[in-house]
């Protein structure tokens, strides 16, 4: 298995809170594949430190990961786990498979939570509760929390001195786009949910994250950089009516066109026969809807005057002021807008 160690969270040691930290739980380490690629099943390992004495009774434990929504992870992802240290603790597990105290787990299985599995504190489905509490962890594109629950039940005893390390193996198929994003993960138990306990500390492990960058063809899209452009709808075909949105400022990213009154939409399409059609001199002036926000509605085939016997394979945009002295082109990479899904009817 070709893997690289990516991140270990620093742990603050506070003498006054030693007993509290002895009982807390944490994500110990994320191990990402060394060379993840597009359209490929990748294997990610997450090491969890489960301290004893947290007072969970006969409950599944919860494992959650933050992934790009376009991966449709519930269609391909699986999670399994093994333990190291169960024999040193007073835990026992396994009303479903007959495992008892003193046995390590080497083939633990997990299932996706269902809508009926509500997070204890918010009473919301687990993915919604995690998104409300932790958000997208520094990603600015569509993400989702994918949540598993152990098929075994766990009973955590009262021996605070021992820990068990759980090695979770996540397998998930990546999407077709070459992206870089913050992979994040957390865990807890079904019983305690996202409970913040002022006396004992959190009854869940706060998420940690690591940057995952896919190798493959096409331009790299960095999910950690606020996007200056977007489309409405986000899923479209080249035959559809499309609105291209452009912001001259997004987070800490400021375009050279910030403060410009008239912004023009330039672009090019790649056709099925390899030909390119470019619109620049005849670029349309976008509608200025606020100080830094611009929109333009158009049909891609019509805007680029695509011949009837040709189809669009890819589409790129850039923006300029009236005389072309200022151009926003993503540092020369252009803004790629590939179609996602079939045309809307």
Protein backbone atom coordinates (compact mmCIF):
# COMPACT_ATOMS: atom_id res chain seq x y z
CA UNK A 1 0.00 0.00 0.00
CA UNK A 2 1.53 3.29 -1.10
CA UNK A 3 0.68 5.79 1.61
CA UNK A 4 2.14 8.85 3.24
CA UNK A 5 1.65 10.23 6.72
CA UNK A 6 0.06 13.61 6.39
CA UNK A 7 -0.92 15.21 9.67
CA UNK A 8 -0.69 14.71 13.42
CA UNK A 9 -2.67 17.18 15.52
CA UNK A 10 -0.74 18.87 18.28
CA UNK A 11 -2.09 18.14 21.75
CA UNK A 12 -1.84 20.80 24.43
CA UNK A 13 -0.95 19.30 27.81
CA UNK A 14 -2.51 21.19 30.67
CA UNK A 15 -1.72 19.87 34.13
CA UNK A 16 -4.90 21.29 35.60
CA UNK A 17 -7.00 19.37 33.09
CA UNK A 18 -5.10 16.09 33.12
CA UNK A 19 -8.04 14.00 34.25
CA UNK A 20 -10.34 15.56 31.68
CA UNK A 21 -7.94 14.92 28.82
CA UNK A 22 -7.39 11.35 30.03
CA UNK A 23 -11.03 10.70 29.27
CA UNK A 24 -11.36 12.51 25.96
CA UNK A 25 -11.27 11.02 22.49
CA UNK A 26 -9.38 12.30 19.45
CA UNK A 27 -8.52 11.65 15.85
CA UNK A 28 -4.86 10.69 16.06
CA UNK A 29 -3.75 10.70 12.43
CA UNK A 30 -4.88 10.87 8.80
CA UNK A 31 -2.89 8.80 6.30
CA UNK A 32 -3.62 9.80 2.70
CA UNK A 33 -2.55 7.91 -0.43
CA UNK A 34 0.72 9.24 -1.84
CA UNK A 35 -0.55 9.72 -5.39
CA UNK A 36 -4.37 9.81 -5.49
CA UNK A 37 -5.82 10.11 -8.98
CA UNK A 38 -9.10 11.00 -10.63
CA UNK A 39 -11.74 8.31 -11.30
CA UNK A 40 -10.02 5.80 -9.04
CA UNK A 41 -10.85 3.95 -5.82
CA UNK A 42 -8.49 5.39 -3.19
CA UNK A 43 -7.69 4.01 0.26
CA UNK A 44 -7.42 6.39 3.22
CA UNK A 45 -6.47 5.35 6.75
CA UNK A 46 -7.58 7.22 9.86
CA UNK A 47 -6.21 6.36 13.31
CA UNK A 48 -8.58 7.04 16.20
CA UNK A 49 -7.59 7.22 19.86
CA UNK A 50 -10.50 5.97 21.96
CA UNK A 51 -9.91 6.59 25.66
CA UNK A 52 -11.75 4.46 28.16
CA UNK A 53 -14.00 5.81 30.89
CA UNK A 54 -16.19 8.09 28.79
CA UNK A 55 -19.39 6.47 29.92
CA UNK A 56 -20.83 5.15 26.63
CA UNK A 57 -23.15 2.19 27.01
CA UNK A 58 -23.95 -0.41 24.35
CA UNK A 59 -23.77 2.07 21.49
CA UNK A 60 -22.42 2.12 17.94
CA UNK A 61 -19.57 4.52 17.36
CA UNK A 62 -19.79 7.10 14.60
CA UNK A 63 -17.13 7.78 11.96
CA UNK A 64 -17.59 10.76 9.61
CA UNK A 65 -15.58 12.12 6.67
CA UNK A 66 -15.93 15.33 4.67
CA UNK A 67 -15.80 14.68 0.91
CA UNK A 68 -16.60 16.53 -2.33
CA UNK A 69 -20.29 16.20 -3.03
CA UNK A 70 -19.70 15.39 -6.69
CA UNK A 71 -18.02 12.12 -5.68
CA UNK A 72 -21.40 10.67 -4.63
CA UNK A 73 -19.54 8.80 -1.90
CA UNK A 74 -22.54 6.81 -0.71
CA UNK A 75 -22.49 5.04 -4.07
CA UNK A 76 -18.95 3.69 -3.62
CA UNK A 77 -17.49 4.29 -0.16
CA UNK A 78 -16.85 1.56 2.40
CA UNK A 79 -15.36 1.72 5.90
CA UNK A 80 -13.85 -1.13 7.93
CA UNK A 81 -11.68 -1.09 11.03
CA UNK A 82 -9.31 -3.00 13.30
CA UNK A 83 -8.33 -2.38 16.93
CA UNK A 84 -5.13 -2.33 18.95
CA UNK A 85 -5.55 -2.21 22.73
CA UNK A 86 -8.97 -3.68 23.41
CA UNK A 87 -7.29 -6.44 25.42
CA UNK A 88 -5.81 -3.79 27.75
CA UNK A 89 -9.11 -2.13 28.59
CA UNK A 90 -12.35 -3.08 30.26
CA UNK A 91 -14.28 -2.44 27.06
CA UNK A 92 -16.32 -5.11 25.48
CA UNK A 93 -17.99 -5.08 22.12
CA UNK A 94 -20.14 -7.20 19.94
CA UNK A 95 -23.73 -8.07 20.60
CA UNK A 96 -24.04 -8.55 16.84
CA UNK A 97 -21.07 -10.80 16.16
CA UNK A 98 -20.33 -12.41 19.50
CA UNK A 99 -17.13 -10.54 20.31
CA UNK A 100 -16.35 -10.03 23.97
CA UNK A 101 -13.72 -8.47 26.22
CA UNK A 102 -10.16 -9.52 25.52
CA UNK A 103 -10.58 -9.91 21.76
CA UNK A 104 -9.11 -7.49 19.24
CA UNK A 105 -11.27 -6.68 16.23
CA UNK A 106 -9.62 -7.23 12.86
CA UNK A 107 -12.62 -7.20 10.55
CA UNK A 108 -14.99 -4.61 12.00
CA UNK A 109 -17.65 -3.46 9.57
CA UNK A 110 -19.53 -0.18 9.32
CA UNK A 111 -22.75 0.93 7.62
CA UNK A 112 -24.04 4.31 6.50
CA UNK A 113 -26.26 6.07 9.01
CA UNK A 114 -29.88 6.45 7.92
CA UNK A 115 -32.25 9.40 8.16
CA UNK A 116 -33.71 7.70 11.22
CA UNK A 117 -30.34 7.96 13.02
CA UNK A 118 -30.61 11.38 14.66
CA UNK A 119 -27.72 13.17 16.33
CA UNK A 120 -28.53 13.28 20.06
CA UNK A 121 -28.19 17.02 20.73
CA UNK A 122 -29.61 18.66 17.59
CA UNK A 123 -32.10 15.86 16.78
CA UNK A 124 -31.10 16.34 13.13
CA UNK A 125 -29.78 13.62 10.79
CA UNK A 126 -26.06 13.16 11.36
CA UNK A 127 -24.82 14.71 8.08
CA UNK A 128 -26.91 17.83 8.69
CA UNK A 129 -25.79 18.11 12.32
CA UNK A 130 -22.12 17.87 11.35
CA UNK A 131 -22.48 20.45 8.59
CA UNK A 132 -24.23 22.84 10.98
CA UNK A 133 -21.53 22.45 13.65
CA UNK A 134 -18.32 22.17 11.60
CA UNK A 135 -19.22 23.44 8.12
CA UNK A 136 -16.94 22.65 5.18
CA UNK A 137 -13.64 23.01 7.07
CA UNK A 138 -12.06 25.58 4.77
CA UNK A 139 -13.48 24.27 1.49
CA UNK A 140 -15.43 26.70 -0.69
CA UNK A 141 -17.09 24.22 -3.07
CA UNK A 142 -19.92 21.73 -2.53
CA UNK A 143 -18.97 19.27 0.20
CA UNK A 144 -20.87 16.75 2.30
CA UNK A 145 -20.34 14.87 5.54
CA UNK A 146 -20.55 11.13 4.90
CA UNK A 147 -21.30 9.28 8.12
CA UNK A 148 -20.85 5.63 9.10
CA UNK A 149 -21.83 3.73 12.23
CA UNK A 150 -20.17 0.60 13.58
CA UNK A 151 -22.13 -2.62 13.19
CA UNK A 152 -20.82 -3.69 16.62
CA UNK A 153 -21.92 -2.03 19.85
CA UNK A 154 -19.38 -0.69 22.34
CA UNK A 155 -19.47 -0.41 26.12
CA UNK A 156 -16.77 1.87 27.52
CA UNK A 157 -15.91 1.02 31.10
CA UNK A 158 -14.48 3.22 33.84
CA UNK A 159 -10.73 2.52 33.53
CA UNK A 160 -9.37 5.94 32.50
CA UNK A 161 -5.74 4.80 32.12
CA UNK A 162 -6.08 2.78 28.94
CA UNK A 163 -6.62 3.67 25.30
CA UNK A 164 -7.50 1.71 22.21
CA UNK A 165 -6.26 2.72 18.75
CA UNK A 166 -8.72 2.05 15.97
CA UNK A 167 -7.40 1.94 12.39
CA UNK A 168 -10.22 2.80 9.99
CA UNK A 169 -9.82 1.94 6.31
CA UNK A 170 -11.92 4.16 4.06
CA UNK A 171 -12.23 3.26 0.40
CA UNK A 172 -13.89 5.77 -1.92
CA UNK A 173 -13.96 6.41 -5.65
CA UNK A 174 -12.77 9.87 -6.66
CA UNK A 175 -14.50 12.01 -9.26
CA UNK A 176 -13.42 12.99 -12.79
CA UNK A 177 -12.20 16.48 -11.89
CA UNK A 178 -8.65 17.15 -10.77
CA UNK A 179 -9.15 18.88 -7.44
CA UNK A 180 -7.35 19.76 -4.23
CA UNK A 181 -9.43 19.94 -1.04
CA UNK A 182 -9.38 19.63 2.73
CA UNK A 183 -10.24 16.05 3.69
CA UNK A 184 -11.64 16.11 7.23
CA UNK A 185 -12.76 13.44 9.67
CA UNK A 186 -14.21 13.07 13.18
CA UNK A 187 -15.79 10.40 15.34
CA UNK A 188 -18.03 9.94 18.35
CA UNK A 189 -20.79 7.64 19.50
CA UNK A 190 -24.45 7.35 18.64
CA UNK A 191 -25.39 7.66 22.33
CA UNK A 192 -23.57 10.90 23.21
CA UNK A 193 -23.68 12.61 19.81
CA UNK A 194 -22.10 16.08 19.60
CA UNK A 195 -22.33 16.69 23.33
CA UNK A 196 -20.05 19.38 24.77
CA UNK A 197 -19.54 18.47 28.41
CA UNK A 198 -18.03 21.28 30.55
CA UNK A 199 -16.85 18.79 33.19
CA UNK A 200 -15.55 15.90 31.08
CA UNK A 201 -14.80 17.60 27.77
CA UNK A 202 -16.38 16.85 24.41
CA UNK A 203 -17.98 13.43 24.08
CA UNK A 204 -16.77 13.34 20.46
CA UNK A 205 -13.45 13.84 18.67
CA UNK A 206 -13.24 17.24 17.01
CA UNK A 207 -12.42 17.01 13.31
CA UNK A 208 -8.92 17.32 11.94
CA UNK A 209 -8.09 17.80 8.27
CA UNK A 210 -5.41 17.13 5.66
CA UNK A 211 -5.01 18.47 2.12
CA UNK A 212 -5.71 15.88 -0.59
CA UNK A 213 -4.72 16.68 -4.17
CA UNK A 214 -5.70 14.46 -7.09
CA UNK A 215 -3.39 13.76 -9.98
CA UNK A 216 -4.79 13.47 -13.49
CA UNK A 217 -5.68 15.39 -16.62
CA UNK A 218 -7.21 18.86 -16.74
CA UNK A 219 -6.83 22.06 -14.79
CA UNK A 220 -6.50 21.81 -11.01
CA UNK A 221 -9.38 23.26 -9.02
CA UNK A 222 -8.38 24.20 -5.48
CA UNK A 223 -11.41 23.90 -3.20
CA UNK A 224 -9.59 25.88 -0.51
CA UNK A 225 -9.51 29.03 -2.65
CA UNK A 226 -12.77 30.99 -2.71
CA UNK A 227 -14.16 30.74 -6.26
CA UNK A 228 -14.50 33.95 -8.21
CA UNK A 229 -16.90 32.25 -10.61
CA UNK A 230 -19.88 29.94 -10.39
CA UNK A 231 -22.81 28.87 -12.56
CA UNK A 232 -26.55 28.77 -12.06
CA UNK A 233 -27.54 25.97 -12.16
CA UNK A 234 -24.41 24.26 -10.87
CA UNK A 235 -25.28 21.14 -12.90
CA UNK A 236 -25.91 21.94 -16.54
CA UNK A 237 -25.52 20.82 -20.15
CA UNK A 238 -24.15 22.91 -22.99
CA UNK A 239 -27.62 23.20 -24.49
CA UNK A 240 -29.02 24.85 -21.36
CA UNK A 241 -29.71 28.45 -20.48
CA UNK A 242 -26.84 29.26 -18.15
CA UNK A 243 -26.03 32.11 -15.78
CA UNK A 244 -22.34 32.77 -15.23
CA UNK A 245 -21.64 34.56 -11.95
CA UNK A 246 -18.43 36.53 -11.40
CA UNK A 247 -17.21 38.09 -8.14
CA UNK A 248 -14.29 40.49 -8.12
CA UNK A 249 -13.65 39.61 -4.48
CA UNK A 250 -14.11 36.32 -2.62
CA UNK A 251 -12.64 36.01 0.84
CA UNK A 252 -9.02 37.11 0.69
CA UNK A 253 -8.94 36.71 -3.10
CA UNK A 254 -9.27 40.07 -4.91
CA UNK A 255 -9.47 40.29 -8.70
CA UNK A 256 -7.69 42.96 -10.73
CA UNK A 257 -11.18 43.94 -11.88
CA UNK A 258 -12.32 44.87 -8.39
CA UNK A 259 -13.88 48.34 -8.59
CA UNK A 260 -14.33 48.23 -12.38
CA UNK A 261 -17.82 49.30 -13.48
CA UNK A 262 -18.05 47.47 -16.83
CA UNK A 263 -16.88 43.86 -16.96
CA UNK A 264 -16.98 41.83 -20.19
CA UNK A 265 -17.41 38.06 -20.52
CA UNK A 266 -14.77 36.48 -22.76
CA UNK A 267 -14.44 32.79 -23.44
CA UNK A 268 -13.64 29.90 -25.70
CA UNK A 269 -15.07 26.45 -26.39
CA UNK A 270 -13.32 23.28 -27.55
CA UNK A 271 -15.42 21.34 -30.08
CA UNK A 272 -15.65 17.61 -30.70
CA UNK A 273 -13.38 17.91 -33.76
CA UNK A 274 -10.72 19.83 -31.82
CA UNK A 275 -11.59 23.26 -33.22
CA UNK A 276 -11.71 26.26 -30.90
CA UNK A 277 -14.09 29.20 -31.02
CA UNK A 278 -13.11 32.31 -29.07
CA UNK A 279 -15.23 35.29 -28.08
CA UNK A 280 -13.20 38.33 -26.97
CA UNK A 281 -13.62 41.44 -29.15
CA UNK A 282 -17.39 40.81 -29.29
CA UNK A 283 -17.61 39.91 -25.60
CA UNK A 284 -20.88 40.79 -23.85
CA UNK A 285 -20.98 43.27 -21.01
CA UNK A 286 -22.09 41.54 -17.83
CA UNK A 287 -24.84 42.86 -15.58
CA UNK A 288 -23.43 44.61 -12.52
CA UNK A 289 -25.73 43.50 -9.69
CA UNK A 290 -23.61 44.92 -6.82
CA UNK A 291 -20.23 46.51 -6.22
CA UNK A 292 -18.35 43.22 -6.76
CA UNK A 293 -20.98 40.92 -8.31
CA UNK A 294 -21.68 40.39 -12.03
CA UNK A 295 -24.01 38.04 -13.90
CA UNK A 296 -24.70 37.09 -17.50
CA UNK A 297 -27.38 34.74 -18.87
CA UNK A 298 -26.70 32.96 -22.16
CA UNK A 299 -26.97 29.76 -24.18
CA UNK A 300 -23.40 28.48 -24.73
CA UNK A 301 -24.06 27.24 -28.28
CA UNK A 302 -25.55 30.57 -29.28
CA UNK A 303 -22.94 32.70 -27.51
CA UNK A 304 -20.07 30.95 -29.27
CA UNK A 305 -21.96 30.47 -32.57
CA UNK A 306 -21.29 26.73 -32.60
CA UNK A 307 -22.12 25.06 -35.95
CA UNK A 308 -25.17 22.78 -35.86
CA UNK A 309 -23.13 19.69 -36.73
CA UNK A 310 -20.62 20.23 -33.91
CA UNK A 311 -20.81 19.69 -30.16
CA UNK A 312 -19.01 21.44 -27.29
CA UNK A 313 -16.47 19.34 -25.36
CA UNK A 314 -15.26 21.98 -22.91
CA UNK A 315 -15.72 25.64 -22.10
CA UNK A 316 -13.45 28.30 -20.56
CA UNK A 317 -13.93 31.93 -19.54
CA UNK A 318 -12.01 35.05 -18.60
CA UNK A 319 -13.05 38.61 -17.89
CA UNK A 320 -11.77 42.05 -18.88
CA UNK A 321 -12.56 45.73 -18.59
CA UNK A 322 -13.78 47.78 -21.56
CA UNK A 323 -10.40 48.39 -23.22
CA UNK A 324 -8.77 45.12 -22.22
CA UNK A 325 -6.13 46.77 -20.06
CA UNK A 326 -7.24 44.67 -17.07
CA UNK A 327 -7.87 40.95 -17.44
CA UNK A 328 -8.91 38.33 -14.87
CA UNK A 329 -7.91 34.93 -16.23
CA UNK A 330 -7.03 32.93 -13.09
CA UNK A 331 -3.31 33.60 -13.62
CA UNK A 332 -3.48 32.27 -17.15
CA UNK A 333 -5.29 29.03 -16.27
CA UNK A 334 -8.70 30.44 -17.30
CA UNK A 335 -11.93 29.47 -15.57
CA UNK A 336 -12.94 26.00 -16.73
CA UNK A 337 -16.68 25.33 -16.79
CA UNK A 338 -17.22 21.74 -17.92
CA UNK A 339 -20.77 20.49 -18.23
CA UNK A 340 -21.89 18.28 -15.37
CA UNK A 341 -24.72 15.91 -16.17
CA UNK A 342 -27.10 15.82 -19.07
CA UNK A 343 -28.76 18.91 -20.55
CA UNK A 344 -31.82 20.13 -18.69
CA UNK A 345 -35.02 19.76 -20.66
